[in-house]
C-alpha atoms as a PDB file:
ATOM      1  CA  MET A   1       2.802 -23.636  22.791  1.00  0.00           C
ATOM      2  CA  ASP A   2       1.373 -22.996  19.091  1.00  0.00           C
ATOM      3  CA  LYS A   3       3.043 -20.789  16.402  1.00  0.00           C
ATOM      4  CA  ILE A   4       1.377 -17.754  17.226  1.00  0.00           C
ATOM      5  CA  GLU A   5       2.051 -18.078  21.164  1.00  0.00           C
ATOM      6  CA  VAL A   6       6.035 -19.132  20.415  1.00  0.00           C
ATOM      7  CA  SER A   7       5.856 -15.782  17.875  1.00  0.00           C
ATOM      8  CA  LEU A   8       4.915 -13.058  20.140  1.00  0.00           C
ATOM      9  CA  ALA A   9       6.542 -13.966  22.619  1.00  0.00           C
ATOM     10  CA  LEU A  10       9.963 -13.566  20.553  1.00  0.00           C
ATOM     11  CA  LEU A  11       8.548 -10.151  19.350  1.00  0.00           C
ATOM     12  CA  LYS A  12       8.456  -9.612  23.274  1.00  0.00           C
ATOM     13  CA  SER A  13      11.835 -11.056  23.788  1.00  0.00           C
ATOM     14  CA  PHE A  14      13.532  -8.850  21.341  1.00  0.00           C
ATOM     15  CA  PHE A  15      11.621  -5.527  22.171  1.00  0.00           C
ATOM     16  CA  GLU A  16      12.166  -5.543  25.748  1.00  0.00           C
ATOM     17  CA  LYS A  17      15.590  -6.167  25.389  1.00  0.00           C
ATOM     18  CA  GLN A  18      15.720  -3.115  24.122  1.00  0.00           C
ATOM     19  CA  ASN A  19      13.290  -1.239  25.960  1.00  0.00           C
ATOM     20  CA  ILE A  20      10.676  -0.654  23.000  1.00  0.00           C
ATOM     21  CA  GLN A  21       6.822  -0.653  23.573  1.00  0.00           C
ATOM     22  CA  PHE A  22       4.713  -2.769  20.759  1.00  0.00           C
ATOM     23  CA  TRP A  23       0.926  -3.018  20.359  1.00  0.00           C
ATOM     24  CA  LEU A  24      -1.059  -4.293  18.767  1.00  0.00           C
ATOM     25  CA  GLU A  25      -2.154  -3.100  15.559  1.00  0.00           C
ATOM     26  CA  ALA A  26      -5.100  -3.734  12.918  1.00  0.00           C
ATOM     27  CA  GLY A  27      -6.955  -6.694  12.650  1.00  0.00           C
ATOM     28  CA  THR A  28      -4.982  -8.274  15.885  1.00  0.00           C
ATOM     29  CA  ALA A  29      -5.791  -5.695  17.540  1.00  0.00           C
ATOM     30  CA  LEU A  30      -9.552  -6.607  16.623  1.00  0.00           C
ATOM     31  CA  SER A  31      -9.030 -10.384  16.740  1.00  0.00           C
ATOM     32  CA  ALA A  32      -7.947  -9.895  20.422  1.00  0.00           C
ATOM     33  CA  GLU A  33     -10.626  -7.788  21.853  1.00  0.00           C
ATOM     34  CA  ARG A  34     -13.368  -8.732  19.735  1.00  0.00           C
ATOM     35  CA  GLU A  35     -12.605 -13.255  20.076  1.00  0.00           C
ATOM     36  CA  GLY A  36      -9.368 -13.382  22.709  1.00  0.00           C
ATOM     37  CA  ARG A  37      -7.475 -14.845  19.628  1.00  0.00           C
ATOM     38  CA  VAL A  38      -6.695 -14.513  16.161  1.00  0.00           C
ATOM     39  CA  PHE A  39      -9.060 -15.300  13.801  1.00  0.00           C
ATOM     40  CA  PRO A  40      -9.256 -18.468  11.658  1.00  0.00           C
ATOM     41  CA  TRP A  41      -8.067 -16.690   8.227  1.00  0.00           C
ATOM     42  CA  GLU A  42      -5.215 -15.048   9.478  1.00  0.00           C
ATOM     43  CA  HIS A  43      -1.586 -15.355   8.130  1.00  0.00           C
ATOM     44  CA  ASP A  44       0.033 -13.056   9.816  1.00  0.00           C
ATOM     45  CA  ILE A  45       0.285 -10.595  13.812  1.00  0.00           C
ATOM     46  CA  ASP A  46       0.143  -7.211  13.266  1.00  0.00           C
ATOM     47  CA  VAL A  47       1.809  -4.941  15.526  1.00  0.00           C
ATOM     48  CA  ALA A  48       2.921  -1.542  15.318  1.00  0.00           C
ATOM     49  CA  ILE A  49       5.913   0.906  17.434  1.00  0.00           C
ATOM     50  CA  TRP A  50       6.343   4.868  17.187  1.00  0.00           C
ATOM     51  CA  ARG A  51       8.799   4.965  14.195  1.00  0.00           C
ATOM     52  CA  HIS A  52      11.107   7.080  16.446  1.00  0.00           C
ATOM     53  CA  ASP A  53      12.050   4.016  18.109  1.00  0.00           C
ATOM     54  CA  LEU A  54      12.923   1.819  15.867  1.00  0.00           C
ATOM     55  CA  PRO A  55      15.990  -0.584  16.463  1.00  0.00           C
ATOM     56  CA  ASP A  56      19.190  -1.432  15.628  1.00  0.00           C
ATOM     57  CA  LEU A  57      17.732  -2.798  12.363  1.00  0.00           C
ATOM     58  CA  LYS A  58      21.446  -5.474  11.967  1.00  0.00           C
ATOM     59  CA  LEU A  59      20.128  -5.824  15.918  1.00  0.00           C
ATOM     60  CA  LEU A  60      16.890  -6.901  15.120  1.00  0.00           C
ATOM     61  CA  GLU A  61      17.245  -8.732  11.608  1.00  0.00           C
ATOM     62  CA  SER A  62      20.399 -10.998  13.304  1.00  0.00           C
ATOM     63  CA  PHE A  63      18.156 -12.046  16.329  1.00  0.00           C
ATOM     64  CA  PHE A  64      15.109 -13.010  13.794  1.00  0.00           C
ATOM     65  CA  SER A  65      17.112 -15.050  11.398  1.00  0.00           C
ATOM     66  CA  GLU A  66      18.937 -16.538  13.717  1.00  0.00           C
ATOM     67  CA  GLN A  67      14.881 -17.982  14.917  1.00  0.00           C
ATOM     68  CA  GLY A  68      13.524 -19.028  11.574  1.00  0.00           C
ATOM     69  CA  TYR A  69      12.284 -15.705  10.310  1.00  0.00           C
ATOM     70  CA  LYS A  70      13.481 -13.818   7.195  1.00  0.00           C
ATOM     71  CA  VAL A  71      13.574  -9.972   7.806  1.00  0.00           C
ATOM     72  CA  ILE A  72      11.916  -7.636   4.897  1.00  0.00           C
ATOM     73  CA  PHE A  73      12.555  -4.089   5.923  1.00  0.00           C
ATOM     74  CA  GLN A  74      10.610  -1.835   3.304  1.00  0.00           C
ATOM     75  CA  LYS A  75      10.355  -4.313   0.708  1.00  0.00           C
ATOM     76  CA  ASN A  76      13.476  -3.934   0.024  1.00  0.00           C
ATOM     77  CA  TYR A  77      13.566  -0.490  -1.015  1.00  0.00           C
ATOM     78  CA  PRO A  78      16.509   1.214   0.553  1.00  0.00           C
ATOM     79  CA  TYR A  79      14.885   3.181   3.360  1.00  0.00           C
ATOM     80  CA  ILE A  80      12.709   2.425   5.936  1.00  0.00           C
ATOM     81  CA  ASP A  81       9.197   4.355   6.787  1.00  0.00           C
ATOM     82  CA  ASN A  82       6.264   2.416   7.344  1.00  0.00           C
ATOM     83  CA  ILE A  83       6.431  -1.604   7.968  1.00  0.00           C
ATOM     84  CA  ILE A  84       8.609  -4.574   8.486  1.00  0.00           C
ATOM     85  CA  GLN A  85       7.907  -7.860   7.656  1.00  0.00           C
ATOM     86  CA  LEU A  86       9.068 -11.333   9.265  1.00  0.00           C
ATOM     87  CA  LYS A  87       8.534 -14.133   6.884  1.00  0.00           C
ATOM     88  CA  ALA A  88       9.390 -17.654   8.598  1.00  0.00           C
ATOM     89  CA  ILE A  89      11.498 -19.628   5.924  1.00  0.00           C
ATOM     90  CA  ASN A  90      11.088 -22.930   4.708  1.00  0.00           C
ATOM     91  CA  GLY A  91      10.952 -25.316   7.790  1.00  0.00           C
ATOM     92  CA  TYR A  92       9.446 -23.070  10.382  1.00  0.00           C
ATOM     93  CA  GLU A  93       6.088 -22.309   8.376  1.00  0.00           C
ATOM     94  CA  ASP A  94       4.432 -24.754  10.865  1.00  0.00           C
ATOM     95  CA  LYS A  95       6.622 -23.670  14.312  1.00  0.00           C
ATOM     96  CA  LEU A  96       6.368 -19.474  13.529  1.00  0.00           C
ATOM     97  CA  PHE A  97       3.681 -17.094  12.742  1.00  0.00           C
ATOM     98  CA  ASP A  98       4.415 -14.307  10.268  1.00  0.00           C
ATOM     99  CA  ILE A  99       4.113 -11.273  11.526  1.00  0.00           C
ATOM    100  CA  ASP A 100       3.975  -7.243   9.969  1.00  0.00           C
ATOM    101  CA  ILE A 101       5.200  -4.441  11.954  1.00  0.00           C
ATOM    102  CA  TYR A 102       4.005  -1.516  11.545  1.00  0.00           C
ATOM    103  CA  LEU A 103       5.361   2.013  11.863  1.00  0.00           C
ATOM    104  CA  TYR A 104       3.628   5.238  13.303  1.00  0.00           C
ATOM    105  CA  ALA A 105       4.955   9.187  13.295  1.00  0.00           C
ATOM    106  CA  ARG A 106       3.545  12.024  15.465  1.00  0.00           C
ATOM    107  CA  TYR A 107       2.870  15.221  13.773  1.00  0.00           C
ATOM    108  CA  GLN A 108       0.449  17.467  15.411  1.00  0.00           C
ATOM    109  CA  GLY A 109      -1.542  15.836  17.922  1.00  0.00           C
ATOM    110  CA  HIS A 110      -2.177  12.894  15.430  1.00  0.00           C
ATOM    111  CA  ALA A 111       0.001   9.190  14.356  1.00  0.00           C
ATOM    112  CA  TYR A 112       0.693   9.034  10.613  1.00  0.00           C
ATOM    113  CA  MET A 113       1.043   5.353   9.116  1.00  0.00           C
ATOM    114  CA  ARG A 114       1.978   6.637   5.495  1.00  0.00           C
ATOM    115  CA  TRP A 115       1.309   3.680   2.643  1.00  0.00           C
ATOM    116  CA  ILE A 116       4.200   5.301   0.686  1.00  0.00           C
ATOM    117  CA  HIS A 117       4.263   2.098  -1.965  1.00  0.00           C
ATOM    118  CA  LYS A 118       0.491   2.881  -2.409  1.00  0.00           C
ATOM    119  CA  PRO A 119       0.440   6.220  -4.253  1.00  0.00           C
ATOM    120  CA  GLU A 120      -3.036   7.580  -5.756  1.00  0.00           C
ATOM    121  CA  GLY A 121      -4.106   9.868  -8.625  1.00  0.00           C
ATOM    122  CA  ARG A 122      -2.800  11.208 -12.072  1.00  0.00           C
ATOM    123  CA  LEU A 123       0.122   8.766 -13.211  1.00  0.00           C
ATOM    124  CA  ALA A 124       0.366   6.724 -10.105  1.00  0.00           C
ATOM    125  CA  ALA A 125       1.366   3.491 -11.521  1.00  0.00           C
ATOM    126  CA  LEU A 126       3.923   5.563 -13.665  1.00  0.00           C
ATOM    127  CA  LYS A 127       5.793   6.408 -10.345  1.00  0.00           C
ATOM    128  CA  LEU A 128       5.595   3.604  -9.080  1.00  0.00           C
ATOM    129  CA  ARG A 129       6.365   1.262 -10.925  1.00  0.00           C
ATOM    130  CA  THR A 130       9.821   4.084 -11.975  1.00  0.00           C
ATOM    131  CA  LEU A 131      10.545   3.890  -8.572  1.00  0.00           C
ATOM    132  CA  SER A 132      10.486  -0.228  -8.392  1.00  0.00           C
ATOM    133  CA  VAL A 133      12.793  -0.040 -11.091  1.00  0.00           C
ATOM    134  CA  LEU A 134      14.923   2.097  -9.929  1.00  0.00           C
ATOM    135  CA  LYS A 135      14.820   0.216  -6.418  1.00  0.00           C
ATOM    136  CA  TYR A 136      16.866  -2.418  -8.295  1.00  0.00           C
ATOM    137  CA  LEU A 137      20.380  -0.244  -8.968  1.00  0.00           C
ATOM    138  CA  VAL A 138      20.186   0.529  -5.086  1.00  0.00           C
ATOM    139  CA  ASN A 139      19.904  -2.574  -4.038  1.00  0.00           C
ATOM    140  CA  PRO A 140      20.006  -5.809  -6.878  1.00  0.00           C
ATOM    141  CA  THR A 141      18.248  -8.574  -5.172  1.00  0.00           C
ATOM    142  CA  THR A 142      18.474 -11.152  -8.792  1.00  0.00           C
ATOM    143  CA  ASP A 143      22.464 -11.616 -10.490  1.00  0.00           C
ATOM    144  CA  LYS A 144      20.083  -9.736 -14.028  1.00  0.00           C
ATOM    145  CA  TRP A 145      20.015  -6.422 -11.605  1.00  0.00           C
ATOM    146  CA  LYS A 146      23.463  -6.914  -9.942  1.00  0.00           C
ATOM    147  CA  ARG A 147      25.404  -6.619 -13.628  1.00  0.00           C
ATOM    148  CA  ILE A 148      22.948  -3.702 -14.829  1.00  0.00           C
ATOM    149  CA  SER A 149      24.407  -2.148 -11.034  1.00  0.00           C
ATOM    150  CA  ARG A 150      28.404  -2.580 -12.482  1.00  0.00           C
ATOM    151  CA  PHE A 151      28.343  -0.206 -15.102  1.00  0.00           C
ATOM    152  CA  LEU A 152      26.966   2.803 -12.373  1.00  0.00           C
ATOM    153  CA  PRO A 153      28.923   3.445  -9.459  1.00  0.00           C
ATOM    154  CA  SER A 154      26.559   3.380  -6.604  1.00  0.00           C
ATOM    155  CA  SER A 155      26.938   7.326  -5.449  1.00  0.00           C
ATOM    156  CA  LEU A 156      25.405   7.423  -8.926  1.00  0.00           C
ATOM    157  CA  SER A 157      22.480   5.102  -8.373  1.00  0.00           C
ATOM    158  CA  ARG A 158      21.436   6.607  -4.693  1.00  0.00           C
ATOM    159  CA  ALA A 159      21.891   9.709  -6.526  1.00  0.00           C
ATOM    160  CA  ILE A 160      19.636   9.167  -9.215  1.00  0.00           C
ATOM    161  CA  PHE A 161      17.289   6.824  -6.652  1.00  0.00           C
ATOM    162  CA  PHE A 162      16.816   9.834  -4.660  1.00  0.00           C
ATOM    163  CA  TRP A 163      15.907  12.188  -7.132  1.00  0.00           C
ATOM    164  CA  PHE A 164      13.616  10.471  -8.003  1.00  0.00           C
ATOM    165  CA  LEU A 165      12.281   9.520  -4.452  1.00  0.00           C
ATOM    166  CA  ARG A 166      11.827  13.316  -3.997  1.00  0.00           C
ATOM    167  CA  PHE A 167      10.085  14.021  -6.877  1.00  0.00           C
ATOM    168  CA  TYR A 168       7.581  11.148  -6.105  1.00  0.00           C
ATOM    169  CA  VAL A 169       7.210  12.159  -2.718  1.00  0.00           C
ATOM    170  CA  ASN A 170       6.530  16.334  -3.023  1.00  0.00           C
ATOM    171  CA  HIS A 171       4.114  15.051  -6.537  1.00  0.00           C
ATOM    172  CA  SER A 172       1.902  12.473  -5.074  1.00  0.00           C
ATOM    173  CA  THR A 173      -1.023  11.383  -2.543  1.00  0.00           C
ATOM    174  CA  CYS A 174      -1.462   8.192  -0.921  1.00  0.00           C
ATOM    175  CA  ILE A 175      -3.343   6.656   1.809  1.00  0.00           C
ATOM    176  CA  TYR A 176      -2.458   7.370   5.246  1.00  0.00           C
ATOM    177  CA  HIS A 177      -3.850   4.774   8.745  1.00  0.00           C
ATOM    178  CA  ARG A 178      -4.395   8.309  10.497  1.00  0.00           C
ATOM    179  CA  PHE A 179      -5.192   8.027  14.671  1.00  0.00           C
ATOM    180  CA  PRO A 180      -5.806  10.678  17.076  1.00  0.00           C
ATOM    181  CA  GLU A 181      -2.229   9.963  18.679  1.00  0.00           C
ATOM    182  CA  LYS A 182      -3.687   9.349  22.087  1.00  0.00           C
ATOM    183  CA  TYR A 183      -4.660   5.676  20.863  1.00  0.00           C
ATOM    184  CA  PHE A 184      -1.292   4.987  21.068  1.00  0.00           C
ATOM    185  CA  LEU A 185      -0.036   6.997  24.550  1.00  0.00           C
ATOM    186  CA  ASP A 186      -1.669   5.030  26.389  1.00  0.00           C
ATOM    187  CA  PHE A 187      -2.279   1.100  26.941  1.00  0.00           C
ATOM    188  CA  LYS A 188      -4.345  -1.979  29.059  1.00  0.00           C
ATOM    189  CA  GLU A 189      -2.085  -5.083  28.981  1.00  0.00           C
ATOM    190  CA  ILE A 190      -4.042  -8.099  27.958  1.00  0.00           C
ATOM    191  CA  GLU A 191      -3.724 -11.615  27.658  1.00  0.00           C
ATOM    192  CA  PHE A 192      -3.615 -12.935  24.427  1.00  0.00           C
ATOM    193  CA  HIS A 193      -2.260 -16.088  23.214  1.00  0.00           C
ATOM    194  CA  GLY A 194      -0.505 -17.073  25.647  1.00  0.00           C
ATOM    195  CA  ASN A 195       1.539 -13.697  26.170  1.00  0.00           C
ATOM    196  CA  LYS A 196       0.162  -9.913  28.054  1.00  0.00           C
ATOM    197  CA  VAL A 197       1.007  -7.780  25.450  1.00  0.00           C
ATOM    198  CA  LYS A 198      -0.131  -4.266  24.962  1.00  0.00           C
ATOM    199  CA  ILE A 199      -3.521  -2.626  22.634  1.00  0.00           C
ATOM    200  CA  PRO A 200      -4.746   0.254  22.924  1.00  0.00           C
ATOM    201  CA  SER A 201      -7.177   1.192  26.343  1.00  0.00           C
ATOM    202  CA  ASP A 202      -9.901   2.956  25.117  1.00  0.00           C
ATOM    203  CA  THR A 203     -10.408   0.607  22.677  1.00  0.00           C
ATOM    204  CA  ASP A 204     -13.789   0.436  21.594  1.00  0.00           C
ATOM    205  CA  ASN A 205     -13.055   4.225  20.482  1.00  0.00           C
ATOM    206  CA  TYR A 206      -9.766   3.132  18.395  1.00  0.00           C
ATOM    207  CA  LEU A 207     -11.336   0.083  17.002  1.00  0.00           C
ATOM    208  CA  GLN A 208     -14.467   2.212  15.875  1.00  0.00           C
ATOM    209  CA  HIS A 209     -12.294   4.576  14.405  1.00  0.00           C
ATOM    210  CA  ARG A 210     -10.578   1.856  12.266  1.00  0.00           C
ATOM    211  CA  TYR A 211     -13.260  -0.386  11.367  1.00  0.00           C
ATOM    212  CA  GLY A 212     -16.679   1.357  12.141  1.00  0.00           C
ATOM    213  CA  PRO A 213     -19.294   1.688  14.743  1.00  0.00           C
ATOM    214  CA  ASN A 214     -19.988  -2.017  14.170  1.00  0.00           C
ATOM    215  CA  TRP A 215     -17.044  -3.418  14.985  1.00  0.00           C
ATOM    216  CA  LYS A 216     -17.920  -5.505  17.096  1.00  0.00           C
ATOM    217  CA  THR A 217     -20.242  -7.746  14.487  1.00  0.00           C
ATOM    218  CA  PRO A 218     -18.602 -10.354  12.594  1.00  0.00           C
ATOM    219  CA  ASP A 219     -18.731  -9.633   8.904  1.00  0.00           C
ATOM    220  CA  SER A 220     -18.118 -12.207   6.737  1.00  0.00           C
ATOM    221  CA  GLN A 221     -18.103  -9.431   3.881  1.00  0.00           C
ATOM    222  CA  PHE A 222     -16.121  -6.406   5.281  1.00  0.00           C
ATOM    223  CA  ASN A 223     -12.817  -7.336   2.987  1.00  0.00           C
ATOM    224  CA  GLN A 224     -14.216  -8.042   0.114  1.00  0.00           C
ATOM    225  CA  THR A 225     -17.253  -5.667  -0.594  1.00  0.00           C
ATOM    226  CA  GLY A 226     -14.454  -3.169   0.670  1.00  0.00           C
ATOM    227  CA  LYS A 227     -15.986  -2.096   3.605  1.00  0.00           C
ATOM    228  CA  TRP A 228     -12.818  -1.713   5.090  1.00  0.00           C
ATOM    229  CA  LYS A 229     -11.703   1.095   2.367  1.00  0.00           C
ATOM    230  CA  GLN A 230     -14.353   3.232   4.328  1.00  0.00           C
ATOM    231  CA  SER A 231     -12.855   3.656   8.050  1.00  0.00           C
ATOM    232  CA  GLY A 232     -12.329   6.599   9.673  1.00  0.00           C
ATOM    233  CA  ALA A 233      -8.773   5.939   9.715  1.00  0.00           C
ATOM    234  CA  ARG A 234      -7.836   6.297   6.035  1.00  0.00           C
ATOM    235  CA  VAL A 235      -7.157   9.200   4.677  1.00  0.00           C
ATOM    236  CA  GLU A 236      -5.804  10.251   1.454  1.00  0.00           C
ATOM    237  CA  LEU A 237      -3.241  13.264   1.894  1.00  0.00           C
ATOM    238  CA  ASP A 238       0.159  14.618   0.593  1.00  0.00           C
ATOM    239  CA  MET A 239       2.969  12.029   0.454  1.00  0.00           C
ATOM    240  CA  LYS A 240       5.248  15.301   1.848  1.00  0.00           C
ATOM    241  CA  LEU A 241       3.169  15.446   4.566  1.00  0.00           C
ATOM    242  CA  LEU A 242       6.218  13.302   6.722  1.00  0.00           C
ATOM    243  CA  PRO A 243       9.471  14.101   5.967  1.00  0.00           C
ATOM    244  CA  LEU A 244      11.084  12.351   3.081  1.00  0.00           C
ATOM    245  CA  PRO A 245      13.016   8.799   3.406  1.00  0.00           C
ATOM    246  CA  VAL A 246      16.249   9.050   3.698  1.00  0.00           C
ATOM    247  CA  TYR A 247      18.679   6.000   2.941  1.00  0.00           C
ATOM    248  CA  ASP A 248      19.829   3.648   5.369  1.00  0.00           C
ATOM    249  CA  ASP A 249      22.518   1.553   5.293  1.00  0.00           C
ATOM    250  CA  ARG A 250      21.819  -0.628   8.338  1.00  0.00           C
ATOM    251  CA  ILE A 251      18.971  -2.884   5.641  1.00  0.00           C
ATOM    252  CA  ILE A 252      19.808  -5.797   5.037  1.00  0.00           C
ATOM    253  CA  VAL A 253      18.837  -6.639   1.716  1.00  0.00           C
ATOM    254  CA  GLY A 254      16.804  -9.969   1.123  1.00  0.00           C
ATOM    255  CA  ASN A 255      14.057 -10.331  -1.885  1.00  0.00           C
ATOM    256  CA  ALA A 256      11.037  -9.174  -1.730  1.00  0.00           C
ATOM    257  CA  GLU A 257       7.706 -11.123  -2.252  1.00  0.00           C
END
C-alpha cells in the first residue's frame, strides 16, 4: 500500500470506531472526482467532520501518535475551532501522508468553517499578533515561555487570554468557508486510493461552489493567479457569527509550525 492508502485506512479505522462520519474536502475532493487520485503536488489529504462530532481529543492524539503522527490541535491555541492537523513525524514521512481535518458548524441552513486565525480589516495583523503572544502564556511550548509563564498563575494567564479572545472575536471579521448544509448531509461512497470514502453526493454543485464552474478543467495557474480567492464558498463575515471558542484542557500541547 502507498502512504496515502495507509493514511486513509488509519483515518477510517479511527472514525469508524468512534461512529463519526468524515468526508473528503477541498482539494482532495476535487482530485478524487476529477482524477481519482490525490494530485501529485499535494502534500496532505483534506477531510472534514461536523464540529459537534468531535471525538475525545486525548483518544485521537493517542491513536495517531502511536501510528507515527504528530497531532496539532488548532495550531496549539488552547481551544478547538476549525482544524486538527496530523503531521508525519521524522522517520515516517515515507510511510504516512499528512492529513488536515476541518471542522464545520451548522447554522441557519449552512455549514461554516471559520478561519479564526486569519482576521481581516483594520488592525488585523496587530490583533492576531497579540493573540499569538498571549497563547504562549496559556500553552508555553518553548523554554523561554515556560520561564515567563511561571510568573503568572495559570488561572490568571487563562483569564487574560480569553478576555482578549472575546475582544478579538467580537471586533473582527474573517473569511469563512460557507456551504449549503445539504452538501454535507447527503454523501456517496467512492473508491479512492484503495479505500471506500465519502464525498458529497451532489458533487458537481459542491465543487462548482468551492472552485467555480470550470472545476473540471485543470488550471496550473489557479493558485498563482489568486483565482482561489474568487470561490463562492469564501465569504467575509463577523467572527462572532459562531460562538466564542472555549478552553479545552483535553488538548495535548505540541510545537506549532
